[in-house]
PDB file of N, CA and C in Angstrom:
ATOM      1  N   MET A   1       1.129  -0.932  -0.241  1.00  0.00           N
ATOM      2  CA  MET A   1       0.037   0.038  -0.274  1.00  0.00           C
ATOM      3  C   MET A   1       1.108   1.768  -0.060  1.00  0.00           C
ATOM      4  N   ASN A   2       0.853   2.087  -0.435  1.00  0.00           N
ATOM      5  CA  ASN A   2       1.615   3.786  -0.973  1.00  0.00           C
ATOM      6  C   ASN A   2       0.954   4.416   0.131  1.00  0.00           C
ATOM      7  N   LEU A   3       1.881   5.389  -0.103  1.00  0.00           N
ATOM      8  CA  LEU A   3       2.013   6.642   1.551  1.00  0.00           C
ATOM      9  C   LEU A   3       1.048   6.971   1.870  1.00  0.00           C
ATOM     10  N   SER A   4       0.022   7.526   0.366  1.00  0.00           N
ATOM     11  CA  SER A   4      -1.200   8.697  -0.151  1.00  0.00           C
ATOM     12  C   SER A   4      -2.732   7.884   0.407  1.00  0.00           C
ATOM     13  N   THR A   5      -2.384   6.661   0.020  1.00  0.00           N
ATOM     14  CA  THR A   5      -3.643   5.694   0.581  1.00  0.00           C
ATOM     15  C   THR A   5      -3.547   5.061   2.148  1.00  0.00           C
ATOM     16  N   MET A   6      -2.368   5.277   2.228  1.00  0.00           N
ATOM     17  CA  MET A   6      -2.718   5.087   3.877  1.00  0.00           C
ATOM     18  C   MET A   6      -2.733   6.632   4.463  1.00  0.00           C
ATOM     19  N   ASN A   7      -2.134   7.265   4.045  1.00  0.00           N
ATOM     20  CA  ASN A   7      -2.984   8.897   4.787  1.00  0.00           C
ATOM     21  C   ASN A   7      -4.444   8.898   4.413  1.00  0.00           C
ATOM     22  N   ASP A   8      -4.892   8.495   3.222  1.00  0.00           N
ATOM     23  CA  ASP A   8      -6.149   8.699   2.377  1.00  0.00           C
ATOM     24  C   ASP A   8      -7.729   8.389   3.292  1.00  0.00           C
ATOM     25  N   HIS A   9      -7.091   7.728   3.831  1.00  0.00           N
ATOM     26  CA  HIS A   9      -8.180   7.271   5.699  1.00  0.00           C
ATOM     27  C   HIS A   9      -8.479   8.444   6.656  1.00  0.00           C
ATOM     28  N   PHE A  10      -7.274   9.108   6.720  1.00  0.00           N
ATOM     29  CA  PHE A  10      -8.117  10.233   7.298  1.00  0.00           C
ATOM     30  C   PHE A  10      -8.251  11.304   6.534  1.00  0.00           C
ATOM     31  N   ARG A  11      -8.814  11.147   5.084  1.00  0.00           N
ATOM     32  CA  ARG A  11      -9.018  12.828   4.641  1.00  0.00           C
ATOM     33  C   ARG A  11     -10.111  12.966   5.446  1.00  0.00           C
ATOM     34  N   LYS A  12     -11.797  11.914   5.869  1.00  0.00           N
ATOM     35  CA  LYS A  12     -12.760  12.972   6.288  1.00  0.00           C
ATOM     36  C   LYS A  12     -13.108  13.535   7.640  1.00  0.00           C
ATOM     37  N   GLU A  13     -11.443  12.416   7.732  1.00  0.00           N
ATOM     38  CA  GLU A  13     -11.702  13.185   9.639  1.00  0.00           C
ATOM     39  C   GLU A  13     -11.140  14.729   9.530  1.00  0.00           C
ATOM     40  N   VAL A  14      -9.545  14.378   8.714  1.00  0.00           N
ATOM     41  CA  VAL A  14      -9.162  16.614   8.813  1.00  0.00           C
ATOM     42  C   VAL A  14      -9.928  17.051   7.792  1.00  0.00           C
ATOM     43  N   ARG A  15     -10.916  16.848   7.026  1.00  0.00           N
ATOM     44  CA  ARG A  15     -11.624  18.040   6.772  1.00  0.00           C
ATOM     45  C   ARG A  15     -12.289  19.369   7.448  1.00  0.00           C
ATOM     46  N   PRO A  16     -12.591  19.105   7.400  1.00  0.00           N
ATOM     47  CA  PRO A  16     -12.698  20.719   8.744  1.00  0.00           C
ATOM     48  C   PRO A  16     -11.411  22.002   8.598  1.00  0.00           C
ATOM     49  N   ALA A  17     -10.709  21.168   8.122  1.00  0.00           N
ATOM     50  CA  ALA A  17      -9.268  21.325   8.617  1.00  0.00           C
ATOM     51  C   ALA A  17      -9.214  21.969   7.430  1.00  0.00           C
ATOM     52  N   LEU A  18      -9.111  21.141   6.293  1.00  0.00           N
ATOM     53  CA  LEU A  18      -8.905  21.292   4.749  1.00  0.00           C
ATOM     54  C   LEU A  18     -10.388  22.170   3.913  1.00  0.00           C
ATOM     55  N   ILE A  19     -11.702  22.136   4.801  1.00  0.00           N
ATOM     56  CA  ILE A  19     -12.099  23.508   4.330  1.00  0.00           C
ATOM     57  C   ILE A  19     -11.377  24.707   5.388  1.00  0.00           C
ATOM     58  N   SER A  20     -11.199  24.791   6.565  1.00  0.00           N
ATOM     59  CA  SER A  20     -10.960  25.569   7.406  1.00  0.00           C
ATOM     60  C   SER A  20      -9.580  26.876   6.086  1.00  0.00           C
ATOM     61  N   LYS A  21      -8.793  25.768   5.302  1.00  0.00           N
ATOM     62  CA  LYS A  21      -7.469  26.146   4.994  1.00  0.00           C
ATOM     63  C   LYS A  21      -7.937  26.714   3.353  1.00  0.00           C
ATOM     64  N   LEU A  22      -9.115  26.494   2.851  1.00  0.00           N
ATOM     65  CA  LEU A  22      -9.355  26.999   2.026  1.00  0.00           C
ATOM     66  C   LEU A  22     -10.469  28.322   2.300  1.00  0.00           C
ATOM     67  N   GLU A  23     -11.105  28.622   3.122  1.00  0.00           N
ATOM     68  CA  GLU A  23     -11.387  29.629   3.656  1.00  0.00           C
ATOM     69  C   GLU A  23     -10.206  30.589   4.020  1.00  0.00           C
ATOM     70  N   GLU A  24      -9.184  30.230   4.367  1.00  0.00           N
ATOM     71  CA  GLU A  24      -8.764  31.374   4.814  1.00  0.00           C
ATOM     72  C   GLU A  24      -8.724  31.665   3.097  1.00  0.00           C
ATOM     73  N   PHE A  25      -8.227  30.660   2.095  1.00  0.00           N
ATOM     74  CA  PHE A  25      -7.441  31.194   1.108  1.00  0.00           C
ATOM     75  C   PHE A  25      -8.421  31.646   0.489  1.00  0.00           C
ATOM     76  N   ARG A  26      -9.429  31.984   0.682  1.00  0.00           N
ATOM     77  CA  ARG A  26     -10.561  32.824  -0.314  1.00  0.00           C
ATOM     78  C   ARG A  26     -10.884  34.116   0.236  1.00  0.00           C
ATOM     79  N   LEU A  27     -10.247  34.322   1.967  1.00  0.00           N
ATOM     80  CA  LEU A  27     -10.508  35.446   2.631  1.00  0.00           C
ATOM     81  C   LEU A  27      -9.517  36.434   1.762  1.00  0.00           C
ATOM     82  N   LEU A  28      -8.164  35.298   1.499  1.00  0.00           N
ATOM     83  CA  LEU A  28      -6.733  35.944   0.625  1.00  0.00           C
ATOM     84  C   LEU A  28      -7.036  36.031  -0.740  1.00  0.00           C
ATOM     85  N   GLY A  29      -8.252  36.149  -1.275  1.00  0.00           N
ATOM     86  CA  GLY A  29      -8.294  36.595  -2.628  1.00  0.00           C
ATOM     87  C   GLY A  29      -8.137  35.236  -3.691  1.00  0.00           C
ATOM     88  N   TYR A  30      -7.973  34.382  -2.987  1.00  0.00           N
ATOM     89  CA  TYR A  30      -7.800  32.808  -4.189  1.00  0.00           C
ATOM     90  C   TYR A  30      -9.152  32.017  -3.695  1.00  0.00           C
ATOM     91  N   ASP A  31      -9.675  31.818  -4.052  1.00  0.00           N
ATOM     92  CA  ASP A  31     -11.326  31.771  -4.227  1.00  0.00           C
ATOM     93  C   ASP A  31     -11.593  30.392  -5.325  1.00  0.00           C
ATOM     94  N   THR A  32     -10.662  30.297  -5.867  1.00  0.00           N
ATOM     95  CA  THR A  32     -11.073  28.984  -7.385  1.00  0.00           C
ATOM     96  C   THR A  32     -10.365  27.959  -6.572  1.00  0.00           C
ATOM     97  N   ILE A  33      -9.609  27.105  -5.228  1.00  0.00           N
ATOM     98  CA  ILE A  33      -8.910  26.178  -5.230  1.00  0.00           C
ATOM     99  C   ILE A  33      -9.821  25.457  -4.440  1.00  0.00           C
ATOM    100  N   THR A  34      -9.313  24.031  -4.883  1.00  0.00           N
ATOM    101  CA  THR A  34     -10.522  23.124  -4.619  1.00  0.00           C
ATOM    102  C   THR A  34     -10.440  22.314  -3.812  1.00  0.00           C
ATOM    103  N   GLU A  35     -11.126  21.387  -2.486  1.00  0.00           N
ATOM    104  CA  GLU A  35     -10.538  20.900  -1.458  1.00  0.00           C
ATOM    105  C   GLU A  35     -10.009  19.522  -1.877  1.00  0.00           C
ATOM    106  N   GLU A  36     -10.024  19.278  -3.310  1.00  0.00           N
ATOM    107  CA  GLU A  36      -9.364  17.759  -4.233  1.00  0.00           C
ATOM    108  C   GLU A  36      -7.331  18.253  -4.556  1.00  0.00           C
ATOM    109  N   GLU A  37      -8.145  19.848  -5.034  1.00  0.00           N
ATOM    110  CA  GLU A  37      -6.740  20.323  -5.481  1.00  0.00           C
ATOM    111  C   GLU A  37      -6.020  20.496  -4.182  1.00  0.00           C
ATOM    112  N   LEU A  38      -6.004  20.857  -3.345  1.00  0.00           N
ATOM    113  CA  LEU A  38      -5.023  21.317  -1.868  1.00  0.00           C
ATOM    114  C   LEU A  38      -5.299  19.277  -0.967  1.00  0.00           C
ATOM    115  N   TRP A  39      -5.986  18.944  -1.205  1.00  0.00           N
ATOM    116  CA  TRP A  39      -5.508  17.279  -0.725  1.00  0.00           C
ATOM    117  C   TRP A  39      -4.951  16.897  -1.621  1.00  0.00           C
ATOM    118  N   ALA A  40      -4.488  16.665  -3.432  1.00  0.00           N
ATOM    119  CA  ALA A  40      -3.599  17.011  -3.714  1.00  0.00           C
ATOM    120  C   ALA A  40      -1.507  17.022  -3.568  1.00  0.00           C
ATOM    121  N   PHE A  41      -2.673  18.925  -3.237  1.00  0.00           N
ATOM    122  CA  PHE A  41      -0.806  19.485  -2.964  1.00  0.00           C
ATOM    123  C   PHE A  41      -0.376  18.563  -1.925  1.00  0.00           C
ATOM    124  N   LEU A  42      -1.246  18.170  -1.271  1.00  0.00           N
ATOM    125  CA  LEU A  42      -0.710  17.697   0.427  1.00  0.00           C
ATOM    126  C   LEU A  42       0.628  16.456  -0.187  1.00  0.00           C
ATOM    127  N   VAL A  43      -0.686  15.041  -1.063  1.00  0.00           N
ATOM    128  CA  VAL A  43      -0.081  13.946  -1.659  1.00  0.00           C
ATOM    129  C   VAL A  43       0.590  14.370  -2.101  1.00  0.00           C
ATOM    130  N   ARG A  44       1.274  15.057  -2.986  1.00  0.00           N
ATOM    131  CA  ARG A  44       2.297  14.824  -4.148  1.00  0.00           C
ATOM    132  C   ARG A  44       3.587  15.854  -3.698  1.00  0.00           C
ATOM    133  N   LYS A  45       2.940  16.931  -3.332  1.00  0.00           N
ATOM    134  CA  LYS A  45       4.121  17.713  -2.259  1.00  0.00           C
ATOM    135  C   LYS A  45       4.921  17.577  -1.090  1.00  0.00           C
ATOM    136  N   LYS A  46       3.901  18.103   0.340  1.00  0.00           N
ATOM    137  CA  LYS A  46       3.712  17.806   1.468  1.00  0.00           C
ATOM    138  C   LYS A  46       4.463  16.163   1.900  1.00  0.00           C
ATOM    139  N   TRP A  47       3.781  15.499   1.415  1.00  0.00           N
ATOM    140  CA  TRP A  47       4.144  14.301   2.052  1.00  0.00           C
ATOM    141  C   TRP A  47       4.250  12.512   0.820  1.00  0.00           C
ATOM    142  N   LYS A  48       5.415  13.091  -0.244  1.00  0.00           N
ATOM    143  CA  LYS A  48       6.106  12.719  -0.671  1.00  0.00           C
ATOM    144  C   LYS A  48       6.934  12.042  -0.496  1.00  0.00           C
ATOM    145  N   LYS A  49       8.015  12.413   0.116  1.00  0.00           N
ATOM    146  CA  LYS A  49       8.922  11.691   0.615  1.00  0.00           C
ATOM    147  C   LYS A  49       8.928  11.025   2.208  1.00  0.00           C
ATOM    148  N   ASP A  50       7.405  11.457   2.569  1.00  0.00           N
ATOM    149  CA  ASP A  50       7.241  10.453   3.736  1.00  0.00           C
ATOM    150  C   ASP A  50       7.505   8.967   3.650  1.00  0.00           C
ATOM    151  N   LYS A  51       7.610   8.699   4.783  1.00  0.00           N
ATOM    152  CA  LYS A  51       8.461   6.923   4.659  1.00  0.00           C
ATOM    153  C   LYS A  51       6.995   6.143   5.376  1.00  0.00           C
ATOM    154  N   GLU A  52       6.961   6.835   6.374  1.00  0.00           N
ATOM    155  CA  GLU A  52       5.678   5.882   7.642  1.00  0.00           C
ATOM    156  C   GLU A  52       3.944   6.850   7.558  1.00  0.00           C
ATOM    157  N   GLU A  53       2.903   5.843   7.439  1.00  0.00           N
ATOM    158  CA  GLU A  53       1.859   6.764   8.293  1.00  0.00           C
ATOM    159  C   GLU A  53       1.725   8.200   9.261  1.00  0.00           C
ATOM    160  N   LYS A  54       1.470   8.763   8.408  1.00  0.00           N
ATOM    161  CA  LYS A  54       1.374  10.254   9.168  1.00  0.00           C
ATOM    162  C   LYS A  54       0.254  10.035  10.551  1.00  0.00           C
ATOM    163  N   LYS A  55      -0.081  10.972  12.301  1.00  0.00           N
ATOM    164  CA  LYS A  55      -0.450  11.456  13.303  1.00  0.00           C
ATOM    165  C   LYS A  55      -1.500  11.557  12.227  1.00  0.00           C
ATOM    166  N   LEU A  56      -2.853  11.490  13.028  1.00  0.00           N
ATOM    167  CA  LEU A  56      -3.671  11.915  12.247  1.00  0.00           C
ATOM    168  C   LEU A  56      -3.200  13.117  13.291  1.00  0.00           C
ATOM    169  N   HIS A  57      -3.243  14.707  14.259  1.00  0.00           N
ATOM    170  CA  HIS A  57      -2.372  15.878  14.463  1.00  0.00           C
ATOM    171  C   HIS A  57      -1.932  15.816  13.631  1.00  0.00           C
ATOM    172  N   GLU A  58      -0.523  15.379  12.867  1.00  0.00           N
ATOM    173  CA  GLU A  58       0.304  15.706  12.446  1.00  0.00           C
ATOM    174  C   GLU A  58      -0.374  15.926  11.568  1.00  0.00           C
ATOM    175  N   ILE A  59      -1.520  15.789  10.615  1.00  0.00           N
ATOM    176  CA  ILE A  59      -2.088  15.853   9.264  1.00  0.00           C
ATOM    177  C   ILE A  59      -2.632  16.750   9.523  1.00  0.00           C
ATOM    178  N   VAL A  60      -3.217  17.786  10.466  1.00  0.00           N
ATOM    179  CA  VAL A  60      -4.039  18.620  10.678  1.00  0.00           C
ATOM    180  C   VAL A  60      -3.169  19.645  10.796  1.00  0.00           C
ATOM    181  N   GLN A  61      -2.440  19.605  11.574  1.00  0.00           N
ATOM    182  CA  GLN A  61      -0.843  20.304  11.463  1.00  0.00           C
ATOM    183  C   GLN A  61      -0.910  21.188  10.388  1.00  0.00           C
ATOM    184  N   GLN A  62      -0.090  20.245   9.315  1.00  0.00           N
ATOM    185  CA  GLN A  62       0.631  20.089   8.235  1.00  0.00           C
ATOM    186  C   GLN A  62      -0.624  20.836   7.499  1.00  0.00           C
ATOM    187  N   ILE A  63      -1.784  20.519   7.605  1.00  0.00           N
ATOM    188  CA  ILE A  63      -3.227  21.311   6.340  1.00  0.00           C
ATOM    189  C   ILE A  63      -3.107  23.233   7.335  1.00  0.00           C
ATOM    190  N   LEU A  64      -3.313  22.808   8.613  1.00  0.00           N
ATOM    191  CA  LEU A  64      -3.395  24.648   8.780  1.00  0.00           C
ATOM    192  C   LEU A  64      -2.070  25.393   8.247  1.00  0.00           C
ATOM    193  N   SER A  65      -0.674  24.796   8.424  1.00  0.00           N
ATOM    194  CA  SER A  65       0.260  25.641   8.952  1.00  0.00           C
ATOM    195  C   SER A  65       0.611  25.419   6.597  1.00  0.00           C
ATOM    196  N   ILE A  66      -0.580  25.222   5.844  1.00  0.00           N
ATOM    197  CA  ILE A  66      -0.052  25.738   4.515  1.00  0.00           C
ATOM    198  C   ILE A  66       0.304  27.139   4.360  1.00  0.00           C
ATOM    199  N   LYS A  67       1.100  27.448   3.634  1.00  0.00           N
ATOM    200  CA  LYS A  67       1.133  28.920   3.173  1.00  0.00           C
ATOM    201  C   LYS A  67       0.218  29.280   1.821  1.00  0.00           C
ATOM    202  N   VAL A  68      -0.573  29.687   1.410  1.00  0.00           N
ATOM    203  CA  VAL A  68      -0.645  30.156  -0.020  1.00  0.00           C
ATOM    204  C   VAL A  68       0.175  30.329  -1.110  1.00  0.00           C
ATOM    205  N   SER A  69       1.388  30.897  -0.903  1.00  0.00           N
ATOM    206  CA  SER A  69       2.487  31.007  -1.244  1.00  0.00           C
ATOM    207  C   SER A  69       3.090  29.661  -2.066  1.00  0.00           C
ATOM    208  N   ASP A  70       2.974  28.828  -0.789  1.00  0.00           N
ATOM    209  CA  ASP A  70       3.773  27.413  -1.596  1.00  0.00           C
ATOM    210  C   ASP A  70       2.515  26.018  -2.250  1.00  0.00           C
ATOM    211  N   TYR A  71       1.693  26.463  -1.688  1.00  0.00           N
ATOM    212  CA  TYR A  71       0.948  25.839  -2.944  1.00  0.00           C
ATOM    213  C   TYR A  71       0.541  26.815  -4.899  1.00  0.00           C
ATOM    214  N   ILE A  72       0.302  28.521  -4.136  1.00  0.00           N
ATOM    215  CA  ILE A  72       0.687  28.863  -6.053  1.00  0.00           C
ATOM    216  C   ILE A  72       1.704  28.153  -6.730  1.00  0.00           C
ATOM    217  N   SER A  73       2.729  27.857  -5.339  1.00  0.00           N
ATOM    218  CA  SER A  73       4.087  27.288  -6.175  1.00  0.00           C
ATOM    219  C   SER A  73       3.724  26.179  -7.131  1.00  0.00           C
ATOM    220  N   PHE A  74       3.605  25.236  -6.207  1.00  0.00           N
ATOM    221  CA  PHE A  74       3.268  23.630  -6.295  1.00  0.00           C
ATOM    222  C   PHE A  74       2.608  24.403  -7.568  1.00  0.00           C
ATOM    223  N   ALA A  75       1.128  24.609  -7.723  1.00  0.00           N
ATOM    224  CA  ALA A  75       0.195  24.348  -8.742  1.00  0.00           C
ATOM    225  C   ALA A  75       0.448  25.153  -9.803  1.00  0.00           C
ATOM    226  N   THR A  76       1.357  26.267 -10.231  1.00  0.00           N
ATOM    227  CA  THR A  76       2.460  26.814 -11.648  1.00  0.00           C
ATOM    228  C   THR A  76       3.077  25.856 -11.690  1.00  0.00           C
ATOM    229  N   ILE A  77       4.108  24.754 -11.218  1.00  0.00           N
ATOM    230  CA  ILE A  77       4.968  23.899 -10.872  1.00  0.00           C
ATOM    231  C   ILE A  77       3.992  22.913 -12.032  1.00  0.00           C
ATOM    232  N   GLU A  78       2.986  22.377 -11.209  1.00  0.00           N
ATOM    233  CA  GLU A  78       2.246  21.308 -12.272  1.00  0.00           C
ATOM    234  C   GLU A  78       1.474  21.374 -13.072  1.00  0.00           C
ATOM    235  N   SER A  79       1.110  22.561 -13.156  1.00  0.00           N
ATOM    236  CA  SER A  79       0.103  23.012 -14.668  1.00  0.00           C
ATOM    237  C   SER A  79       1.693  23.488 -16.055  1.00  0.00           C
ATOM    238  N   TYR A  80       2.704  23.821 -15.142  1.00  0.00           N
ATOM    239  CA  TYR A  80       3.795  23.499 -16.568  1.00  0.00           C
ATOM    240  C   TYR A  80       4.296  21.978 -17.234  1.00  0.00           C
ATOM    241  N   LYS A  81       4.001  21.153 -16.169  1.00  0.00           N
ATOM    242  CA  LYS A  81       4.148  19.541 -16.436  1.00  0.00           C
ATOM    243  C   LYS A  81       2.677  19.165 -17.292  1.00  0.00           C
ATOM    244  N   LYS A  82       2.297  19.776 -17.302  1.00  0.00           N
ATOM    245  CA  LYS A  82       1.046  19.083 -17.756  1.00  0.00           C
ATOM    246  C   LYS A  82       0.932  19.506 -19.449  1.00  0.00           C
ATOM    247  N   THR A  83       1.412  21.164 -19.818  1.00  0.00           N
ATOM    248  CA  THR A  83       1.038  21.534 -20.607  1.00  0.00           C
ATOM    249  C   THR A  83       2.402  20.829 -21.048  1.00  0.00           C
ATOM    250  N   GLU A  84       2.024  20.409 -22.627  1.00  0.00           N
ATOM    251  CA  GLU A  84       2.777  19.204 -23.335  1.00  0.00           C
ATOM    252  C   GLU A  84       2.667  20.357 -24.591  1.00  0.00           C
ATOM    253  N   THR A  85       4.263  20.963 -24.535  1.00  0.00           N
ATOM    254  CA  THR A  85       4.475  21.563 -26.226  1.00  0.00           C
ATOM    255  C   THR A  85       5.587  21.196 -26.874  1.00  0.00           C
ATOM    256  N   SER A  86       5.672  20.335 -27.961  1.00  0.00           N
ATOM    257  CA  SER A  86       6.397  19.866 -28.876  1.00  0.00           C
ATOM    258  C   SER A  86       7.238  21.032 -29.816  1.00  0.00           C
ATOM    259  N   LEU A  87       7.718  21.462 -29.565  1.00  0.00           N
ATOM    260  CA  LEU A  87       9.046  22.710 -30.248  1.00  0.00           C
ATOM    261  C   LEU A  87       9.833  22.294 -31.084  1.00  0.00           C
ATOM    262  N   GLU A  88       9.452  21.182 -31.815  1.00  0.00           N
ATOM    263  CA  GLU A  88       9.627  20.425 -33.088  1.00  0.00           C
ATOM    264  C   GLU A  88      10.457  21.355 -34.458  1.00  0.00           C
ATOM    265  N   ASP A  89       9.284  22.430 -34.632  1.00  0.00           N
ATOM    266  CA  ASP A  89       9.760  22.605 -36.492  1.00  0.00           C
ATOM    267  C   ASP A  89      10.348  23.741 -35.429  1.00  0.00           C
ATOM    268  N   ASP A  90      11.431  24.952 -37.261  1.00  0.00           N
ATOM    269  CA  ASP A  90      11.214  26.189 -36.823  1.00  0.00           C
ATOM    270  C   ASP A  90      10.535  27.406 -36.140  1.00  0.00           C
ATOM    271  N   HIS A  91       9.008  26.731 -37.080  1.00  0.00           N
ATOM    272  CA  HIS A  91       8.332  27.982 -36.404  1.00  0.00           C
ATOM    273  C   HIS A  91       7.679  27.920 -35.234  1.00  0.00           C
ATOM    274  N   GLU A  92       7.800  27.183 -34.666  1.00  0.00           N
ATOM    275  CA  GLU A  92       7.150  26.701 -32.945  1.00  0.00           C
ATOM    276  C   GLU A  92       8.095  27.531 -32.431  1.00  0.00           C
ATOM    277  N   TRP A  93       8.708  27.456 -32.953  1.00  0.00           N
ATOM    278  CA  TRP A  93       9.951  28.115 -31.415  1.00  0.00           C
ATOM    279  C   TRP A  93      10.256  29.352 -32.082  1.00  0.00           C
ATOM    280  N   LYS A  94       9.549  30.396 -33.611  1.00  0.00           N
ATOM    281  CA  LYS A  94       9.819  31.453 -33.525  1.00  0.00           C
ATOM    282  C   LYS A  94       8.681  32.025 -33.048  1.00  0.00           C
ATOM    283  N   GLU A  95       7.549  31.250 -33.094  1.00  0.00           N
ATOM    284  CA  GLU A  95       6.376  31.696 -32.627  1.00  0.00           C
ATOM    285  C   GLU A  95       6.485  31.689 -30.843  1.00  0.00           C
ATOM    286  N   LEU A  96       6.780  31.437 -30.077  1.00  0.00           N
ATOM    287  CA  LEU A  96       7.400  31.023 -29.196  1.00  0.00           C
ATOM    288  C   LEU A  96       8.319  32.008 -28.716  1.00  0.00           C
ATOM    289  N   LEU A  97       9.398  32.950 -29.135  1.00  0.00           N
ATOM    290  CA  LEU A  97      10.072  33.447 -28.692  1.00  0.00           C
ATOM    291  C   LEU A  97       9.637  34.780 -29.407  1.00  0.00           C
ATOM    292  N   LYS A  98       8.587  35.559 -29.975  1.00  0.00           N
ATOM    293  CA  LYS A  98       7.261  36.663 -30.792  1.00  0.00           C
ATOM    294  C   LYS A  98       8.331  37.431 -28.960  1.00  0.00           C
TER     295      LYS A  98
END
């Protein structure tokens, strides 16, 4: 079983912390971030290198300590990864460099 699956069973229990963090983001003007996106940030960024399952209080603490700038940096990098740009011909390079 991978770590994200192990921590997923806490998701329902920590949902109030997730909602609280999303409300904080909305107060700061970031109202398009979803609960699913915030959870993906935790799984793919915060817990990426963890070797063992976290305790409930550790998960809540990490959720509440997320900074908007950390999430935005993660989301930006993820969007770059998803963008497929094949610049194989000279015309595409010229268009990009305009």
